[in-house]
Amino acid sequence: MDAFMLLIVLLMVMEKIILLNNLSTLIILLFNVFFILMFLFILGIDELDKLDELKFNKAIQYFHFILCFKLQTLCNDDYDDDIIMAYAWLGRAYDDKKEYDKAIKYYKKTLKIYLNKDKYNNVDVGTLYNNLGSICYYKKEYNKAIKYFKKDLRINSNNNNDLNIATSCGWLGLAYRGIGKYNKSLKYFEKALHIELKTFGICHTDVATSYSNLGMTYNKKGEHNKAIEYYNMSLNIRLDKTGYWHIDIGALYNNLGSAYNSKGEYGKSIEYYKKALPIFLYRSKFEYNHYILIGLYSGLGLAYKDKGEYNNAIQYLKKSLDINLKTLAHDNPSISVAYNNLACLYKDKKKFNKAIEYYKKALKIVLKSDGHHRDISIYYNNLGQCYYIKKENVKAKKYFEKSLKIKLDTVGSDHISIANSYINLSYIYCYEGQYNKALEIAKKALDLRLKKLDRNHPDVGAAYLALGDIYHEKFDIINARKYYENSLSIYTQKLGTNHPKTKNVTATLQKL
């Protein structure tokens, strides 16, 4: 008889004893039940994701039963250790089920008991702060998460627990990356890495995780070569320790695909995304659901879009949107990203009304969500581009300026994304006849891209193209030709002669 069946039998016996009003026997039996629950707890707490759903829900039900019984009949004292254990386990269980509001409720009940007992520096209190912080992180409430993680870090530092300090620093790195504070994010990831290298050496999976986290933050900063370096360091450890079909290997291939796409190396990007695809498809059949494919399909779709292979692009972007709509609530921010990606594709295909329709769907979702200001800036920018191409310049300028303001507020003037806003506004000023102002900010965009990207990155080519267009409008044909030729050289090298952008610059030069 397994422990769950024994528990059911004991609960049935308890019901009969209650009817007989035999309190002493009931108390003895109750503690037997609680012992079995603790046994199940000890077996299951470290691998809750491996419990089948039925047993998992039964365990929650039994803990609620015991908790209710103890609170009502045995004691009115919230300091009872069994009650603390029950609250903590229920918090963890609901956390694993992603029922975050319920998890927060039980974590806070547990925390209140510890604090009432003046156990401010207890490691269990630190764990509770960490659990609350991780929930806030997953809910994208990054500032709340940071407050909890800092409390956890303080307790771990007071207890000189190096590995727990590394864990706290890792979470703080994630949370600061979530709000776009990349230098702070790097600082905490580097602290975590230092402890892990000192404790485990260079070939441990925790070290691999820190390398991956550093890579992702550098990629967000626009420092793609550093990102690739850290991703490869992580990949080498993971391949040695976990084997090829582990989900983390797929994630690293996916991240490398993203980094190469940001560098403008679209063929290499697609190569890495396709290495990730069979791993994700394989893992999605087991403990991971199809949600893991959303980002990969998006990445592949965008890489094909940037290569100008629009039929392949739309195939993958629609797959991503379909999974989003099937697995998430329709106001989930992830769906706004899928709408935005399709809108970008339609814009490149010159279907501007369709693009505007999808951009507005994306914007409607993200305006309802907290903590997504940078996404809002992206959607404003993209809407501005569509209206500019449709020659609705008043609307275009309004959206470009909104986008730039949000970017300056969230990431600062030195972030690579600012260059895109400068170029877009330079076209508006050019249209208004303010050529000197247009040239001034277009050159700012070029300088920023040359500082942050490879000199032959397609985005550098786009900055040269913008300057060529402005000089062309000024009838300064010598300078226009110079910048167009710089743009054409990059586009030919990075995108090929058949790419629409290359053909467009070639045709413009032929008309000069």
Protein backbone atom coordinates (compact mmCIF):
# COMPACT_ATOMS: atom_id res chain seq x y z
CA MET A 1 0.00 0.00 0.00
CA ASP A 2 1.52 3.36 -1.00
CA ALA A 3 1.54 6.36 1.32
CA PHE A 4 -1.39 8.06 -0.39
CA MET A 5 -3.62 4.97 -0.07
CA LEU A 6 -2.65 4.61 3.59
CA LEU A 7 -3.50 8.26 4.09
CA ILE A 8 -6.96 7.80 2.58
CA VAL A 9 -7.65 4.82 4.87
CA LEU A 10 -6.55 6.77 7.94
CA LEU A 11 -8.74 9.72 6.97
CA MET A 12 -11.75 7.38 6.64
CA VAL A 13 -11.00 5.92 10.10
CA MET A 14 -10.70 9.45 11.47
CA GLU A 15 -14.17 10.26 10.21
CA LYS A 16 -15.62 7.31 12.17
CA ILE A 17 -13.70 8.24 15.33
CA ILE A 18 -15.02 11.79 15.11
CA LEU A 19 -18.55 10.37 15.00
CA LEU A 20 -17.75 8.30 18.14
CA ASN A 21 -16.43 11.44 19.85
CA ASN A 22 -13.19 9.65 20.90
CA LEU A 23 -10.86 12.66 21.09
CA SER A 24 -7.71 10.96 22.45
CA THR A 25 -7.70 8.29 19.73
CA LEU A 26 -8.36 10.99 17.16
CA ILE A 27 -5.34 13.01 18.29
CA ILE A 28 -3.03 9.98 18.01
CA LEU A 29 -4.37 9.17 14.57
CA LEU A 30 -4.11 12.79 13.52
CA PHE A 31 -0.40 12.84 14.21
CA ASN A 32 -0.01 9.60 12.22
CA VAL A 33 -1.71 11.34 9.33
CA PHE A 34 0.52 14.34 9.73
CA PHE A 35 3.58 12.07 9.83
CA ILE A 36 2.56 10.57 6.49
CA LEU A 37 2.03 14.03 5.07
CA MET A 38 5.50 15.03 6.21
CA PHE A 39 6.86 11.87 4.58
CA LEU A 40 5.16 12.83 1.33
CA PHE A 41 6.40 16.37 1.77
CA ILE A 42 10.01 15.26 2.23
CA LEU A 43 9.81 13.00 -0.81
CA GLY A 44 8.08 15.56 -2.98
CA ILE A 45 9.28 19.03 -2.02
CA ASP A 46 12.46 18.94 -4.11
CA GLU A 47 10.82 17.42 -7.17
CA LEU A 48 7.26 18.73 -7.08
CA ASP A 49 7.19 19.02 -10.86
CA LYS A 50 7.52 15.21 -11.07
CA LEU A 51 4.39 14.48 -9.02
CA ASP A 52 1.40 13.70 -11.19
CA GLU A 53 -1.35 16.30 -11.03
CA LEU A 54 -3.84 14.10 -9.17
CA LYS A 55 -1.43 13.32 -6.30
CA PHE A 56 -0.29 16.92 -6.22
CA ASN A 57 -3.84 18.21 -5.80
CA LYS A 58 -4.59 15.50 -3.21
CA ALA A 59 -1.58 16.57 -1.18
CA ILE A 60 -2.82 20.18 -1.22
CA GLN A 61 -6.28 19.00 -0.17
CA TYR A 62 -4.88 17.00 2.76
CA PHE A 63 -2.68 19.84 3.94
CA HIS A 64 -5.70 22.14 3.94
CA PHE A 65 -7.63 19.55 5.95
CA ILE A 66 -4.92 19.11 8.58
CA LEU A 67 -4.27 22.85 8.77
CA CYS A 68 -7.95 23.61 9.29
CA PHE A 69 -8.29 20.87 11.92
CA LYS A 70 -5.24 21.95 13.92
CA LEU A 71 -6.23 25.61 13.87
CA GLN A 72 -9.74 24.82 15.09
CA THR A 73 -9.27 21.96 17.56
CA LEU A 74 -5.72 21.46 18.77
CA CYS A 75 -4.33 24.93 19.23
CA ASN A 76 -4.99 28.53 18.56
CA ASP A 77 -1.29 29.19 18.34
CA ASP A 78 0.10 30.19 14.95
CA TYR A 79 3.58 29.42 16.27
CA ASP A 80 2.99 25.65 16.04
CA ASP A 81 5.79 24.13 13.91
CA ASP A 82 3.38 21.86 12.04
CA ILE A 83 1.27 24.85 11.05
CA ILE A 84 4.37 26.73 9.86
CA MET A 85 5.30 23.67 7.76
CA ALA A 86 1.79 23.45 6.32
CA TYR A 87 1.69 27.14 5.38
CA ALA A 88 5.15 26.92 3.78
CA TRP A 89 4.29 23.77 1.83
CA LEU A 90 1.01 25.22 0.56
CA GLY A 91 2.86 28.34 -0.57
CA ARG A 92 5.39 26.22 -2.45
CA ALA A 93 2.68 24.01 -3.95
CA TYR A 94 0.63 26.93 -5.27
CA ASP A 95 3.85 28.55 -6.48
CA ASP A 96 4.65 25.45 -8.55
CA LYS A 97 1.07 25.43 -9.89
CA LYS A 98 1.59 29.09 -10.90
CA GLU A 99 -1.37 30.13 -8.73
CA TYR A 100 0.69 33.05 -7.56
CA ASP A 101 -1.86 34.99 -5.51
CA LYS A 102 -2.56 31.90 -3.37
CA ALA A 103 1.17 31.23 -3.05
CA ILE A 104 1.80 34.79 -1.86
CA LYS A 105 -0.97 34.41 0.74
CA TYR A 106 0.62 31.33 2.35
CA TYR A 107 4.20 32.58 2.07
CA LYS A 108 3.16 35.77 3.86
CA LYS A 109 1.36 33.79 6.60
CA THR A 110 4.56 31.78 7.16
CA LEU A 111 6.68 34.92 7.11
CA LYS A 112 4.44 36.66 9.65
CA ILE A 113 4.89 33.80 12.14
CA TYR A 114 8.69 33.87 11.81
CA LEU A 115 8.84 37.65 12.21
CA ASN A 116 6.53 37.50 15.25
CA LYS A 117 9.06 35.10 16.76
CA ASP A 118 11.86 37.67 16.08
CA LYS A 119 13.59 35.32 13.62
CA TYR A 120 14.61 38.18 11.31
CA ASN A 121 17.89 36.57 10.24
CA ASN A 122 16.62 33.01 10.01
CA VAL A 123 17.62 31.35 6.72
CA ASP A 124 14.00 30.20 6.28
CA VAL A 125 12.93 33.86 6.37
CA GLY A 126 15.47 34.54 3.61
CA THR A 127 14.01 31.68 1.59
CA LEU A 128 10.51 33.12 2.00
CA TYR A 129 11.69 36.55 0.80
CA ASN A 130 13.33 34.81 -2.16
CA ASN A 131 10.12 32.91 -2.96
CA LEU A 132 8.05 36.11 -2.80
CA GLY A 133 10.61 37.88 -4.97
CA SER A 134 10.58 35.15 -7.60
CA ILE A 135 6.77 35.34 -7.84
CA CYS A 136 6.96 39.13 -8.31
CA TYR A 137 9.63 38.55 -10.98
CA TYR A 138 7.44 36.09 -12.89
CA LYS A 139 4.54 38.56 -12.60
CA LYS A 140 6.91 41.18 -14.08
CA GLU A 141 6.63 43.28 -10.90
CA TYR A 142 10.38 43.84 -10.99
CA ASN A 143 10.69 46.65 -8.43
CA LYS A 144 8.77 44.62 -5.83
CA ALA A 145 10.96 41.63 -6.66
CA ILE A 146 14.12 43.66 -6.08
CA LYS A 147 12.95 44.67 -2.59
CA TYR A 148 12.36 41.03 -1.61
CA PHE A 149 15.63 39.80 -3.13
CA LYS A 150 17.61 42.49 -1.28
CA LYS A 151 16.07 41.35 2.02
CA ASP A 152 17.03 37.77 1.14
CA LEU A 153 20.57 38.89 0.26
CA ARG A 154 20.94 40.76 3.57
CA ILE A 155 19.95 37.66 5.58
CA ASN A 156 22.25 35.38 3.58
CA SER A 157 25.13 37.86 4.01
CA ASN A 158 24.53 38.00 7.77
CA ASN A 159 24.65 34.19 7.87
CA ASN A 160 27.78 34.04 5.64
CA ASN A 161 26.03 31.56 3.34
CA ASP A 162 27.97 31.97 0.10
CA LEU A 163 25.82 29.75 -2.11
CA ASN A 164 22.62 31.44 -0.96
CA ILE A 165 24.31 34.81 -1.57
CA ALA A 166 25.04 33.66 -5.14
CA THR A 167 21.39 32.67 -5.59
CA SER A 168 20.19 36.05 -4.28
CA CYS A 169 22.61 37.88 -6.59
CA GLY A 170 21.42 35.82 -9.56
CA TRP A 171 17.80 36.79 -8.93
CA LEU A 172 18.75 40.46 -8.48
CA GLY A 173 20.57 40.32 -11.81
CA LEU A 174 17.41 39.01 -13.48
CA ALA A 175 15.18 41.64 -11.85
CA TYR A 176 17.46 44.57 -12.74
CA ARG A 177 17.64 43.28 -16.32
CA GLY A 178 13.84 43.25 -16.33
CA ILE A 179 13.73 47.02 -15.69
CA GLY A 180 16.51 47.73 -18.19
CA LYS A 181 19.25 48.53 -15.61
CA TYR A 182 21.84 46.41 -17.36
CA ASN A 183 24.97 47.58 -15.54
CA LYS A 184 23.42 46.72 -12.17
CA SER A 185 22.29 43.42 -13.63
CA LEU A 186 25.84 42.62 -14.74
CA LYS A 187 27.22 43.57 -11.31
CA TYR A 188 25.02 41.02 -9.53
CA PHE A 189 25.56 38.27 -12.11
CA GLU A 190 29.33 38.77 -11.78
CA LYS A 191 29.07 38.51 -7.97
CA ALA A 192 27.17 35.24 -8.35
CA LEU A 193 29.71 33.93 -10.86
CA HIS A 194 32.66 34.81 -8.59
CA ILE A 195 31.17 32.77 -5.72
CA GLU A 196 30.28 29.83 -8.00
CA LEU A 197 33.76 29.68 -9.56
CA LYS A 198 35.35 29.77 -6.09
CA THR A 199 33.01 27.04 -4.80
CA PHE A 200 32.59 24.69 -7.76
CA GLY A 201 35.34 25.42 -10.28
CA ILE A 202 34.81 26.18 -13.96
CA CYS A 203 32.80 23.11 -15.03
CA HIS A 204 29.62 23.36 -12.93
CA THR A 205 26.07 23.92 -14.20
CA ASP A 206 25.61 26.90 -11.84
CA VAL A 207 28.60 28.53 -13.53
CA ALA A 208 26.99 27.78 -16.91
CA THR A 209 23.79 29.50 -15.74
CA SER A 210 25.71 32.63 -14.73
CA TYR A 211 27.55 32.70 -18.07
CA SER A 212 24.19 32.45 -19.84
CA ASN A 213 22.71 35.24 -17.70
CA LEU A 214 25.68 37.49 -18.46
CA GLY A 215 25.33 36.70 -22.15
CA MET A 216 21.67 37.64 -22.19
CA THR A 217 22.31 40.94 -20.40
CA TYR A 218 25.13 41.87 -22.79
CA ASN A 219 22.83 41.05 -25.71
CA LYS A 220 20.17 43.36 -24.23
CA LYS A 221 22.85 46.06 -23.91
CA GLY A 222 23.63 45.70 -27.60
CA GLU A 223 27.08 44.16 -26.94
CA HIS A 224 26.44 41.12 -29.08
CA ASN A 225 30.01 39.81 -29.40
CA LYS A 226 30.34 39.62 -25.61
CA ALA A 227 26.95 37.93 -25.46
CA ILE A 228 28.05 35.27 -27.94
CA GLU A 229 31.28 34.71 -25.99
CA TYR A 230 29.38 34.03 -22.75
CA TYR A 231 26.73 31.89 -24.46
CA ASN A 232 29.45 29.67 -25.93
CA MET A 233 31.18 29.33 -22.54
CA SER A 234 27.86 28.25 -21.05
CA LEU A 235 27.17 25.89 -23.96
CA ASN A 236 30.52 24.09 -23.56
CA ILE A 237 29.76 23.33 -19.90
CA ARG A 238 26.15 22.29 -20.60
CA LEU A 239 27.10 19.91 -23.41
CA ASP A 240 29.58 18.22 -21.07
CA LYS A 241 27.25 18.05 -18.06
CA THR A 242 23.70 17.63 -19.35
CA GLY A 243 23.87 16.09 -22.82
CA TYR A 244 22.56 17.34 -26.14
CA TRP A 245 18.80 16.94 -25.61
CA HIS A 246 18.57 18.96 -22.41
CA ILE A 247 16.25 21.98 -22.57
CA ASP A 248 19.11 24.30 -21.54
CA ILE A 249 21.07 23.33 -24.66
CA GLY A 250 18.08 24.33 -26.78
CA ALA A 251 17.81 27.61 -24.88
CA LEU A 252 21.47 28.43 -25.52
CA TYR A 253 21.16 27.67 -29.24
CA ASN A 254 18.07 29.90 -29.26
CA ASN A 255 20.00 32.69 -27.50
CA LEU A 256 22.89 32.39 -29.95
CA GLY A 257 20.37 32.66 -32.78
CA SER A 258 19.04 35.87 -31.25
CA ALA A 259 22.53 37.35 -30.80
CA TYR A 260 23.59 36.62 -34.37
CA ASN A 261 20.31 38.07 -35.64
CA SER A 262 21.06 41.27 -33.69
CA LYS A 263 24.50 41.33 -35.35
CA GLY A 264 22.84 41.14 -38.76
CA GLU A 265 24.25 37.66 -39.48
CA TYR A 266 20.89 36.23 -40.45
CA GLY A 267 22.13 32.99 -42.01
CA LYS A 268 24.07 32.10 -38.87
CA SER A 269 21.08 33.14 -36.76
CA ILE A 270 18.79 30.73 -38.62
CA GLU A 271 21.42 27.97 -38.29
CA TYR A 272 21.37 28.23 -34.47
CA TYR A 273 17.59 28.57 -34.25
CA LYS A 274 17.27 25.37 -36.29
CA LYS A 275 19.67 23.61 -33.91
CA ALA A 276 17.34 24.57 -31.07
CA LEU A 277 14.16 23.51 -32.89
CA PRO A 278 14.46 19.66 -32.65
CA ILE A 279 15.43 19.94 -28.97
CA PHE A 280 12.41 22.12 -28.17
CA LEU A 281 10.07 19.90 -30.20
CA TYR A 282 11.39 16.84 -28.36
CA ARG A 283 11.11 18.44 -24.90
CA SER A 284 7.63 19.82 -25.58
CA LYS A 285 6.33 16.23 -25.67
CA PHE A 286 7.31 15.66 -22.04
CA GLU A 287 7.58 17.94 -19.03
CA TYR A 288 7.61 21.17 -21.03
CA ASN A 289 4.59 22.49 -22.88
CA HIS A 290 4.45 24.12 -26.30
CA TYR A 291 5.03 27.55 -24.78
CA ILE A 292 8.80 27.01 -25.17
CA LEU A 293 8.34 27.06 -28.97
CA ILE A 294 6.82 30.56 -29.04
CA GLY A 295 10.11 32.45 -28.79
CA LEU A 296 11.92 30.09 -31.13
CA TYR A 297 9.32 30.37 -33.90
CA SER A 298 9.35 34.16 -33.44
CA GLY A 299 13.14 34.24 -33.72
CA LEU A 300 13.15 32.12 -36.87
CA GLY A 301 10.37 34.22 -38.39
CA LEU A 302 12.17 37.49 -37.71
CA ALA A 303 15.49 36.16 -39.04
CA TYR A 304 13.79 35.10 -42.29
CA LYS A 305 12.03 38.50 -42.43
CA ASP A 306 15.33 40.32 -42.09
CA LYS A 307 16.78 38.12 -44.85
CA GLY A 308 13.85 39.13 -47.06
CA GLU A 309 12.44 35.56 -47.21
CA TYR A 310 8.90 36.62 -46.37
CA ASN A 311 7.10 33.32 -47.07
CA ASN A 312 9.29 31.46 -44.57
CA ALA A 313 8.92 34.36 -42.15
CA ILE A 314 5.12 34.40 -42.13
CA GLN A 315 5.02 30.61 -41.65
CA TYR A 316 6.98 30.77 -38.39
CA LEU A 317 5.46 34.01 -37.08
CA LYS A 318 1.94 32.62 -37.49
CA LYS A 319 2.97 29.42 -35.68
CA SER A 320 4.17 31.56 -32.79
CA LEU A 321 0.92 33.56 -32.67
CA ASP A 322 -1.21 30.39 -32.85
CA ILE A 323 0.55 28.85 -29.83
CA ASN A 324 0.23 32.13 -27.94
CA LEU A 325 -3.51 32.32 -28.56
CA LYS A 326 -4.05 28.65 -27.63
CA THR A 327 -2.02 28.68 -24.41
CA LEU A 328 -2.34 32.20 -22.95
CA ALA A 329 -5.01 34.70 -22.00
CA HIS A 330 -5.67 37.06 -24.90
CA ASP A 331 -4.37 40.07 -22.96
CA ASN A 332 -1.02 38.43 -22.15
CA PRO A 333 1.97 40.63 -23.13
CA SER A 334 3.50 37.71 -25.03
CA ILE A 335 0.63 37.93 -27.51
CA SER A 336 1.38 41.62 -28.07
CA VAL A 337 4.91 40.61 -29.12
CA ALA A 338 3.50 38.09 -31.62
CA TYR A 339 1.18 40.75 -33.09
CA ASN A 340 4.09 43.19 -33.32
CA ASN A 341 6.27 40.66 -35.16
CA LEU A 342 3.57 40.02 -37.77
CA ALA A 343 3.03 43.76 -38.12
CA CYS A 344 6.75 44.25 -38.83
CA LEU A 345 6.55 41.60 -41.54
CA TYR A 346 3.54 43.26 -43.19
CA LYS A 347 5.33 46.62 -43.02
CA ASP A 348 8.35 45.15 -44.83
CA LYS A 349 5.95 43.71 -47.43
CA LYS A 350 4.49 47.24 -47.82
CA LYS A 351 1.05 46.17 -46.55
CA PHE A 352 0.86 49.19 -44.27
CA ASN A 353 -2.81 49.11 -43.29
CA LYS A 354 -2.45 45.48 -42.22
CA ALA A 355 0.71 46.40 -40.31
CA ILE A 356 -1.06 49.26 -38.50
CA GLU A 357 -3.92 46.91 -37.58
CA TYR A 358 -1.51 44.47 -35.88
CA TYR A 359 0.57 47.21 -34.23
CA LYS A 360 -2.58 48.64 -32.65
CA LYS A 361 -3.58 45.18 -31.40
CA ALA A 362 -0.16 44.87 -29.79
CA LEU A 363 -0.29 48.36 -28.30
CA LYS A 364 -3.76 47.82 -26.83
CA ILE A 365 -2.51 44.80 -24.86
CA VAL A 366 0.73 46.31 -23.64
CA LEU A 367 -0.85 49.58 -22.47
CA LYS A 368 -2.89 47.50 -19.99
CA SER A 369 0.20 45.82 -18.54
CA ASP A 370 2.61 47.18 -15.96
CA GLY A 371 6.36 47.11 -16.47
CA HIS A 372 6.44 47.08 -20.27
CA HIS A 373 7.41 50.66 -21.04
CA ARG A 374 10.14 49.70 -23.51
CA ASP A 375 7.67 47.56 -25.44
CA ILE A 376 5.32 50.54 -25.64
CA SER A 377 8.16 52.61 -27.11
CA ILE A 378 8.76 49.93 -29.75
CA TYR A 379 5.11 49.88 -30.80
CA TYR A 380 4.90 53.69 -30.93
CA ASN A 381 8.02 53.70 -33.10
CA ASN A 382 6.66 51.06 -35.47
CA LEU A 383 3.33 52.85 -35.84
CA GLY A 384 5.24 56.04 -36.62
CA GLN A 385 7.14 54.29 -39.41
CA CYS A 386 3.93 53.08 -41.03
CA TYR A 387 2.30 56.51 -40.88
CA TYR A 388 5.48 58.08 -42.30
CA ILE A 389 5.46 55.75 -45.28
CA LYS A 390 1.75 56.52 -45.77
CA LYS A 391 2.80 60.23 -45.76
CA GLU A 392 0.74 60.94 -42.62
CA ASN A 393 3.67 62.83 -41.12
CA VAL A 394 1.87 64.58 -38.26
CA LYS A 395 0.81 61.20 -36.84
CA ALA A 396 4.24 59.75 -37.57
CA LYS A 397 6.06 62.52 -35.70
CA LYS A 398 3.73 62.17 -32.69
CA TYR A 399 4.48 58.44 -32.37
CA PHE A 400 8.24 58.86 -32.95
CA GLU A 401 8.49 61.51 -30.22
CA LYS A 402 6.48 59.38 -27.77
CA SER A 403 8.78 56.46 -28.48
CA LEU A 404 11.97 58.48 -28.02
CA LYS A 405 10.80 59.94 -24.69
CA ILE A 406 10.09 56.49 -23.23
CA LYS A 407 13.46 55.16 -24.41
CA LEU A 408 15.38 58.08 -22.94
CA ASP A 409 13.53 57.63 -19.63
CA THR A 410 14.12 53.87 -19.44
CA VAL A 411 17.49 53.08 -21.05
CA GLY A 412 19.27 56.43 -21.45
CA SER A 413 20.75 58.27 -24.41
CA ASP A 414 23.60 55.81 -25.02
CA HIS A 415 21.44 52.75 -25.72
CA ILE A 416 21.52 51.34 -29.24
CA SER A 417 17.72 51.57 -29.62
CA ILE A 418 17.95 55.40 -29.45
CA ALA A 419 19.63 55.39 -32.88
CA ASN A 420 16.47 54.03 -34.49
CA SER A 421 14.40 56.90 -33.06
CA TYR A 422 16.96 59.45 -34.26
CA ILE A 423 16.85 58.10 -37.80
CA ASN A 424 13.06 58.09 -37.90
CA LEU A 425 12.86 61.68 -36.66
CA SER A 426 15.57 62.72 -39.14
CA TYR A 427 13.25 61.71 -41.98
CA ILE A 428 10.43 63.79 -40.47
CA TYR A 429 12.68 66.87 -40.19
CA CYS A 430 13.87 66.27 -43.74
CA TYR A 431 10.27 66.19 -44.98
CA GLU A 432 9.62 69.46 -43.10
CA GLY A 433 12.63 71.05 -44.86
CA GLN A 434 14.72 71.22 -41.66
CA TYR A 435 17.73 69.63 -43.37
CA ASN A 436 20.42 70.71 -40.90
CA LYS A 437 18.42 69.35 -37.95
CA ALA A 438 17.79 66.15 -39.91
CA LEU A 439 21.50 65.72 -40.66
CA GLU A 440 22.46 66.44 -37.06
CA ILE A 441 20.38 63.66 -35.53
CA ALA A 442 21.03 61.21 -38.40
CA LYS A 443 24.77 61.62 -37.71
CA LYS A 444 24.10 61.01 -34.00
CA ALA A 445 22.41 57.76 -35.01
CA LEU A 446 25.35 56.76 -37.21
CA ASP A 447 27.89 57.53 -34.45
CA LEU A 448 25.90 55.51 -31.91
CA ARG A 449 25.59 52.51 -34.24
CA LEU A 450 29.29 52.63 -35.14
CA LYS A 451 30.06 52.69 -31.42
CA LYS A 452 27.76 49.79 -30.52
CA LEU A 453 27.73 47.59 -33.64
CA ASP A 454 30.15 46.11 -36.17
CA ARG A 455 31.05 48.63 -38.88
CA ASN A 456 29.39 46.47 -41.54
CA HIS A 457 26.17 45.79 -39.59
CA PRO A 458 23.02 46.30 -41.73
CA ASP A 459 21.80 48.90 -39.21
CA VAL A 460 24.94 50.94 -39.92
CA GLY A 461 24.01 50.61 -43.58
CA ALA A 462 20.55 52.00 -42.74
CA ALA A 463 22.15 55.04 -41.05
CA TYR A 464 24.27 55.69 -44.15
CA LEU A 465 21.12 55.35 -46.25
CA ALA A 466 19.27 57.94 -44.13
CA LEU A 467 22.12 60.42 -44.55
CA GLY A 468 22.16 59.74 -48.28
CA ASP A 469 18.42 60.41 -48.48
CA ILE A 470 18.73 63.71 -46.59
CA TYR A 471 21.62 64.94 -48.77
CA HIS A 472 19.64 63.85 -51.82
CA GLU A 473 16.70 66.02 -50.71
CA LYS A 474 19.16 68.93 -50.25
CA PHE A 475 20.37 68.36 -53.84
CA ASP A 476 23.86 67.66 -52.47
CA ILE A 477 24.46 64.82 -54.90
CA ILE A 478 28.16 64.30 -54.08
CA ASN A 479 27.49 63.60 -50.40
CA ALA A 480 24.33 61.66 -51.23
CA ARG A 481 26.29 59.34 -53.54
CA LYS A 482 29.01 58.82 -50.89
CA TYR A 483 26.55 57.70 -48.23
CA TYR A 484 24.48 55.60 -50.63
CA GLU A 485 27.64 53.77 -51.73
CA ASN A 486 28.59 53.10 -48.10
CA SER A 487 25.11 51.71 -47.51
CA LEU A 488 25.19 49.59 -50.66
CA SER A 489 28.57 48.09 -49.75
CA ILE A 490 27.23 46.89 -46.39
CA TYR A 491 23.91 45.64 -47.75
CA THR A 492 25.62 43.72 -50.57
CA GLN A 493 28.05 42.09 -48.16
CA LYS A 494 25.58 41.26 -45.37
CA LEU A 495 22.23 40.82 -47.16
CA GLY A 496 23.22 39.83 -50.71
CA THR A 497 22.40 41.41 -54.05
CA ASN A 498 18.85 40.04 -54.18
CA HIS A 499 17.66 41.50 -50.88
CA PRO A 500 14.97 44.22 -51.29
CA LYS A 501 17.08 46.75 -49.35
CA THR A 502 20.10 46.16 -51.60
CA LYS A 503 17.97 46.49 -54.72
CA ASN A 504 16.43 49.72 -53.43
CA VAL A 505 19.80 51.43 -52.85
CA THR A 506 21.12 50.16 -56.20
CA ALA A 507 18.11 51.65 -58.01
CA THR A 508 18.51 54.98 -56.17
CA LEU A 509 22.19 55.23 -57.14
CA GLN A 510 21.37 54.50 -60.77
CA LYS A 511 18.95 57.45 -60.82
CA LEU A 512 21.49 60.00 -59.50
